Amino acid sequence: MAMLASMFAVFILQIVFRYLLNLPIGWTNEVSTILWVWLVLWGAAFVIREEEEIRFDLIYGAVKPKTRRVMMAIACLSTVLLYAVSFPATIDYVTFMKVEKAAYLKIRMNWVYSIYIVFVAAVLVRYLWLSWQALRGKTAEDIDPTKAASGV
């Protein structure tokens, strides 16, 4: 919530300086962009629950629970495999970005994109746990596609 409030405040500041004072400032754009990247990746890693994820689940919701567990295990293990294979390259790229700096704020880009490493690690842990749960025969409640909600 603090990141979203900060991003909104910086956005309003940018509008005031650009359109009311006729003094465009560039650092506000960088702060907004950095906060947006961190907000999305932090939220996806630690805030959003599994049932709030957006997915196309008509087939998943229509099959029997045992088939649903198999589908969940396959999807989770595929996700883990893909992220695990890409993880070393991700770390290499983020650490390489120390040579780049933000134009106005002069923040090293490896600090800006370090949240992606945290995101990948969180996804790996989450989907390992979900695949373990699916393989043990535990899944979320039975899904009724006719009673899907917007998460509220």
C-alpha atoms as a PDB file:
ATOM      1  CA  MET A   1       0.000   0.000   0.000  1.00  0.00           C
ATOM      2  CA  ALA A   2       2.882   2.364   0.801  1.00  0.00           C
ATOM      3  CA  MET A   3       4.431   1.790  -2.632  1.00  0.00           C
ATOM      4  CA  LEU A   4       1.129   2.515  -4.366  1.00  0.00           C
ATOM      5  CA  ALA A   5       0.572   5.655  -2.289  1.00  0.00           C
ATOM      6  CA  SER A   6       4.126   6.837  -3.007  1.00  0.00           C
ATOM      7  CA  MET A   7       3.713   6.175  -6.701  1.00  0.00           C
ATOM      8  CA  PHE A   8       0.459   8.144  -6.740  1.00  0.00           C
ATOM      9  CA  ALA A   9       2.022  11.056  -4.833  1.00  0.00           C
ATOM     10  CA  VAL A  10       4.971  11.219  -7.233  1.00  0.00           C
ATOM     11  CA  PHE A  11       2.587  11.042 -10.197  1.00  0.00           C
ATOM     12  CA  ILE A  12       0.560  13.993  -8.846  1.00  0.00           C
ATOM     13  CA  LEU A  13       3.793  15.897  -8.203  1.00  0.00           C
ATOM     14  CA  GLN A  14       4.825  15.293 -11.801  1.00  0.00           C
ATOM     15  CA  ILE A  15       1.490  16.669 -13.072  1.00  0.00           C
ATOM     16  CA  VAL A  16       1.734  19.751 -10.852  1.00  0.00           C
ATOM     17  CA  PHE A  17       5.279  20.545 -11.954  1.00  0.00           C
ATOM     18  CA  ARG A  18       4.655  19.888 -15.642  1.00  0.00           C
ATOM     19  CA  TYR A  19       1.247  21.475 -16.198  1.00  0.00           C
ATOM     20  CA  LEU A  20       0.798  24.027 -13.426  1.00  0.00           C
ATOM     21  CA  LEU A  21       4.368  25.280 -12.918  1.00  0.00           C
ATOM     22  CA  ASN A  22       5.599  24.534 -16.465  1.00  0.00           C
ATOM     23  CA  LEU A  23       8.742  22.952 -14.977  1.00  0.00           C
ATOM     24  CA  PRO A  24       8.932  19.340 -16.161  1.00  0.00           C
ATOM     25  CA  ILE A  25      10.976  17.087 -13.877  1.00  0.00           C
ATOM     26  CA  GLY A  26      12.293  13.703 -14.964  1.00  0.00           C
ATOM     27  CA  TRP A  27      13.033  11.981 -11.682  1.00  0.00           C
ATOM     28  CA  THR A  28       9.329  11.532 -10.961  1.00  0.00           C
ATOM     29  CA  ASN A  29       8.955   9.329 -14.028  1.00  0.00           C
ATOM     30  CA  GLU A  30      11.845   7.139 -12.859  1.00  0.00           C
ATOM     31  CA  VAL A  31      10.467   6.856  -9.334  1.00  0.00           C
ATOM     32  CA  SER A  32       7.019   5.916 -10.693  1.00  0.00           C
ATOM     33  CA  THR A  33       8.487   3.273 -12.984  1.00  0.00           C
ATOM     34  CA  ILE A  34      10.720   1.761 -10.290  1.00  0.00           C
ATOM     35  CA  LEU A  35       7.862   1.690  -7.781  1.00  0.00           C
ATOM     36  CA  TRP A  36       5.591   0.049 -10.357  1.00  0.00           C
ATOM     37  CA  VAL A  37       8.129  -2.718 -11.068  1.00  0.00           C
ATOM     38  CA  TRP A  38       8.612  -3.344  -7.355  1.00  0.00           C
ATOM     39  CA  LEU A  39       4.863  -3.166  -6.633  1.00  0.00           C
ATOM     40  CA  VAL A  40       3.943  -5.717  -9.302  1.00  0.00           C
ATOM     41  CA  LEU A  41       6.719  -8.192  -8.545  1.00  0.00           C
ATOM     42  CA  TRP A  42       6.452  -7.911  -4.752  1.00  0.00           C
ATOM     43  CA  GLY A  43       2.684  -8.300  -4.953  1.00  0.00           C
ATOM     44  CA  ALA A  44       2.915 -11.304  -7.264  1.00  0.00           C
ATOM     45  CA  ALA A  45       5.518 -12.934  -5.029  1.00  0.00           C
ATOM     46  CA  PHE A  46       4.066 -12.336  -1.568  1.00  0.00           C
ATOM     47  CA  VAL A  47       0.605 -10.765  -1.593  1.00  0.00           C
ATOM     48  CA  ILE A  48      -1.590 -12.496  -4.167  1.00  0.00           C
ATOM     49  CA  ARG A  49      -3.038 -15.802  -3.035  1.00  0.00           C
ATOM     50  CA  GLU A  50      -3.211 -18.786  -5.358  1.00  0.00           C
ATOM     51  CA  GLU A  51      -6.973 -18.532  -5.808  1.00  0.00           C
ATOM     52  CA  GLU A  52      -6.625 -14.874  -6.852  1.00  0.00           C
ATOM     53  CA  GLU A  53      -4.362 -15.684  -9.786  1.00  0.00           C
ATOM     54  CA  ILE A  54      -5.911 -14.997 -13.166  1.00  0.00           C
ATOM     55  CA  ARG A  55      -6.173 -18.127 -15.282  1.00  0.00           C
ATOM     56  CA  PHE A  56      -8.251 -19.849 -17.877  1.00  0.00           C
ATOM     57  CA  ASP A  57      -9.701 -22.699 -15.843  1.00  0.00           C
ATOM     58  CA  LEU A  58     -12.772 -23.959 -17.670  1.00  0.00           C
ATOM     59  CA  ILE A  59     -11.182 -27.358 -18.314  1.00  0.00           C
ATOM     60  CA  TYR A  60      -9.554 -27.485 -14.884  1.00  0.00           C
ATOM     61  CA  GLY A  61     -12.865 -26.771 -13.159  1.00  0.00           C
ATOM     62  CA  ALA A  62     -14.759 -29.332 -15.238  1.00  0.00           C
ATOM     63  CA  VAL A  63     -12.616 -32.398 -14.467  1.00  0.00           C
ATOM     64  CA  LYS A  64     -12.661 -34.707 -11.462  1.00  0.00           C
ATOM     65  CA  PRO A  65     -10.531 -33.908  -8.399  1.00  0.00           C
ATOM     66  CA  LYS A  66      -7.938 -36.605  -9.147  1.00  0.00           C
ATOM     67  CA  THR A  67      -7.431 -35.282 -12.693  1.00  0.00           C
ATOM     68  CA  ARG A  68      -7.302 -31.758 -11.265  1.00  0.00           C
ATOM     69  CA  ARG A  69      -4.484 -32.788  -8.910  1.00  0.00           C
ATOM     70  CA  VAL A  70      -2.526 -34.319 -11.792  1.00  0.00           C
ATOM     71  CA  MET A  71      -3.032 -31.174 -13.879  1.00  0.00           C
ATOM     72  CA  MET A  72      -1.925 -29.031 -10.940  1.00  0.00           C
ATOM     73  CA  ALA A  73       1.177 -31.148 -10.338  1.00  0.00           C
ATOM     74  CA  ILE A  74       2.169 -31.009 -14.022  1.00  0.00           C
ATOM     75  CA  ALA A  75       1.619 -27.243 -14.227  1.00  0.00           C
ATOM     76  CA  CYS A  76       3.506 -26.587 -10.973  1.00  0.00           C
ATOM     77  CA  LEU A  77       6.435 -28.833 -11.824  1.00  0.00           C
ATOM     78  CA  SER A  78       6.666 -27.277 -15.308  1.00  0.00           C
ATOM     79  CA  THR A  79       6.734 -23.817 -13.777  1.00  0.00           C
ATOM     80  CA  VAL A  80       9.401 -24.874 -11.271  1.00  0.00           C
ATOM     81  CA  LEU A  81      11.502 -26.421 -14.040  1.00  0.00           C
ATOM     82  CA  LEU A  82      11.332 -23.335 -16.254  1.00  0.00           C
ATOM     83  CA  TYR A  83      12.101 -20.884 -13.453  1.00  0.00           C
ATOM     84  CA  ALA A  84      14.872 -23.098 -12.034  1.00  0.00           C
ATOM     85  CA  VAL A  85      16.559 -23.371 -15.434  1.00  0.00           C
ATOM     86  CA  SER A  86      16.389 -19.597 -15.926  1.00  0.00           C
ATOM     87  CA  PHE A  87      17.445 -18.687 -12.363  1.00  0.00           C
ATOM     88  CA  PRO A  88      21.246 -18.698 -12.857  1.00  0.00           C
ATOM     89  CA  ALA A  89      20.941 -16.544 -15.990  1.00  0.00           C
ATOM     90  CA  THR A  90      18.585 -14.214 -14.115  1.00  0.00           C
ATOM     91  CA  ILE A  91      21.112 -13.739 -11.325  1.00  0.00           C
ATOM     92  CA  ASP A  92      23.892 -13.168 -13.854  1.00  0.00           C
ATOM     93  CA  TYR A  93      21.884 -10.551 -15.734  1.00  0.00           C
ATOM     94  CA  VAL A  94      20.755  -8.674 -12.630  1.00  0.00           C
ATOM     95  CA  THR A  95      24.301  -8.570 -11.252  1.00  0.00           C
ATOM     96  CA  PHE A  96      25.580  -7.455 -14.679  1.00  0.00           C
ATOM     97  CA  MET A  97      23.174  -4.500 -14.542  1.00  0.00           C
ATOM     98  CA  LYS A  98      25.427  -2.858 -11.919  1.00  0.00           C
ATOM     99  CA  VAL A  99      27.142  -1.156 -14.855  1.00  0.00           C
ATOM    100  CA  GLU A 100      23.927   0.765 -15.676  1.00  0.00           C
ATOM    101  CA  LYS A 101      22.465   3.609 -13.664  1.00  0.00           C
ATOM    102  CA  ALA A 102      19.120   5.372 -13.781  1.00  0.00           C
ATOM    103  CA  ALA A 103      19.404   8.644 -15.690  1.00  0.00           C
ATOM    104  CA  TYR A 104      18.084  11.011 -13.014  1.00  0.00           C
ATOM    105  CA  LEU A 105      18.333   9.138  -9.732  1.00  0.00           C
ATOM    106  CA  LYS A 106      21.748   7.537 -10.448  1.00  0.00           C
ATOM    107  CA  ILE A 107      20.584   4.310  -8.776  1.00  0.00           C
ATOM    108  CA  ARG A 108      22.388   1.232 -10.042  1.00  0.00           C
ATOM    109  CA  MET A 109      20.006  -0.872 -12.098  1.00  0.00           C
ATOM    110  CA  ASN A 110      20.986  -4.080 -10.320  1.00  0.00           C
ATOM    111  CA  TRP A 111      19.316  -2.633  -7.205  1.00  0.00           C
ATOM    112  CA  VAL A 112      16.224  -1.754  -9.208  1.00  0.00           C
ATOM    113  CA  TYR A 113      15.875  -5.221 -10.732  1.00  0.00           C
ATOM    114  CA  SER A 114      16.976  -7.197  -7.679  1.00  0.00           C
ATOM    115  CA  ILE A 115      13.290  -7.620  -6.844  1.00  0.00           C
ATOM    116  CA  TYR A 116      13.060  -9.989  -9.805  1.00  0.00           C
ATOM    117  CA  ILE A 117      15.446 -12.417  -8.099  1.00  0.00           C
ATOM    118  CA  VAL A 118      13.256 -12.306  -4.995  1.00  0.00           C
ATOM    119  CA  PHE A 119      10.186 -12.863  -7.188  1.00  0.00           C
ATOM    120  CA  VAL A 120      11.689 -15.915  -8.927  1.00  0.00           C
ATOM    121  CA  ALA A 121      12.772 -17.424  -5.596  1.00  0.00           C
ATOM    122  CA  ALA A 122       9.275 -16.893  -4.165  1.00  0.00           C
ATOM    123  CA  VAL A 123       7.657 -18.456  -7.247  1.00  0.00           C
ATOM    124  CA  LEU A 124       9.959 -21.470  -6.975  1.00  0.00           C
ATOM    125  CA  VAL A 125       9.070 -21.996  -3.317  1.00  0.00           C
ATOM    126  CA  ARG A 126       5.349 -21.427  -3.911  1.00  0.00           C
ATOM    127  CA  TYR A 127       5.087 -23.851  -6.823  1.00  0.00           C
ATOM    128  CA  LEU A 128       7.241 -26.484  -5.158  1.00  0.00           C
ATOM    129  CA  TRP A 129       4.848 -26.331  -2.218  1.00  0.00           C
ATOM    130  CA  LEU A 130       1.767 -26.476  -4.482  1.00  0.00           C
ATOM    131  CA  SER A 131       3.164 -29.420  -6.437  1.00  0.00           C
ATOM    132  CA  TRP A 132       3.937 -31.223  -3.160  1.00  0.00           C
ATOM    133  CA  GLN A 133       0.374 -30.583  -1.999  1.00  0.00           C
ATOM    134  CA  ALA A 134      -1.055 -31.827  -5.324  1.00  0.00           C
ATOM    135  CA  LEU A 135       1.089 -34.973  -5.257  1.00  0.00           C
ATOM    136  CA  ARG A 136      -0.063 -35.694  -1.704  1.00  0.00           C
ATOM    137  CA  GLY A 137      -3.692 -35.425  -2.823  1.00  0.00           C
ATOM    138  CA  LYS A 138      -4.501 -32.010  -1.406  1.00  0.00           C
ATOM    139  CA  THR A 139      -5.807 -29.209  -3.599  1.00  0.00           C
ATOM    140  CA  ALA A 140      -7.934 -26.133  -3.240  1.00  0.00           C
ATOM    141  CA  GLU A 141     -11.677 -26.423  -2.830  1.00  0.00           C
ATOM    142  CA  ASP A 142     -13.631 -27.928  -5.710  1.00  0.00           C
ATOM    143  CA  ILE A 143     -14.094 -25.292  -8.340  1.00  0.00           C
ATOM    144  CA  ASP A 144     -17.513 -24.462  -9.703  1.00  0.00           C
ATOM    145  CA  PRO A 145     -16.976 -22.321 -12.830  1.00  0.00           C
ATOM    146  CA  THR A 146     -20.548 -21.026 -12.606  1.00  0.00           C
ATOM    147  CA  LYS A 147     -19.821 -19.488  -9.215  1.00  0.00           C
ATOM    148  CA  ALA A 148     -16.487 -17.849 -10.031  1.00  0.00           C
ATOM    149  CA  ALA A 149     -15.987 -14.521  -8.310  1.00  0.00           C
ATOM    150  CA  SER A 150     -13.809 -11.531  -8.972  1.00  0.00           C
ATOM    151  CA  GLY A 151     -11.792 -12.139  -5.825  1.00  0.00           C
ATOM    152  CA  VAL A 152     -13.909  -9.838  -3.668  1.00  0.00           C
END
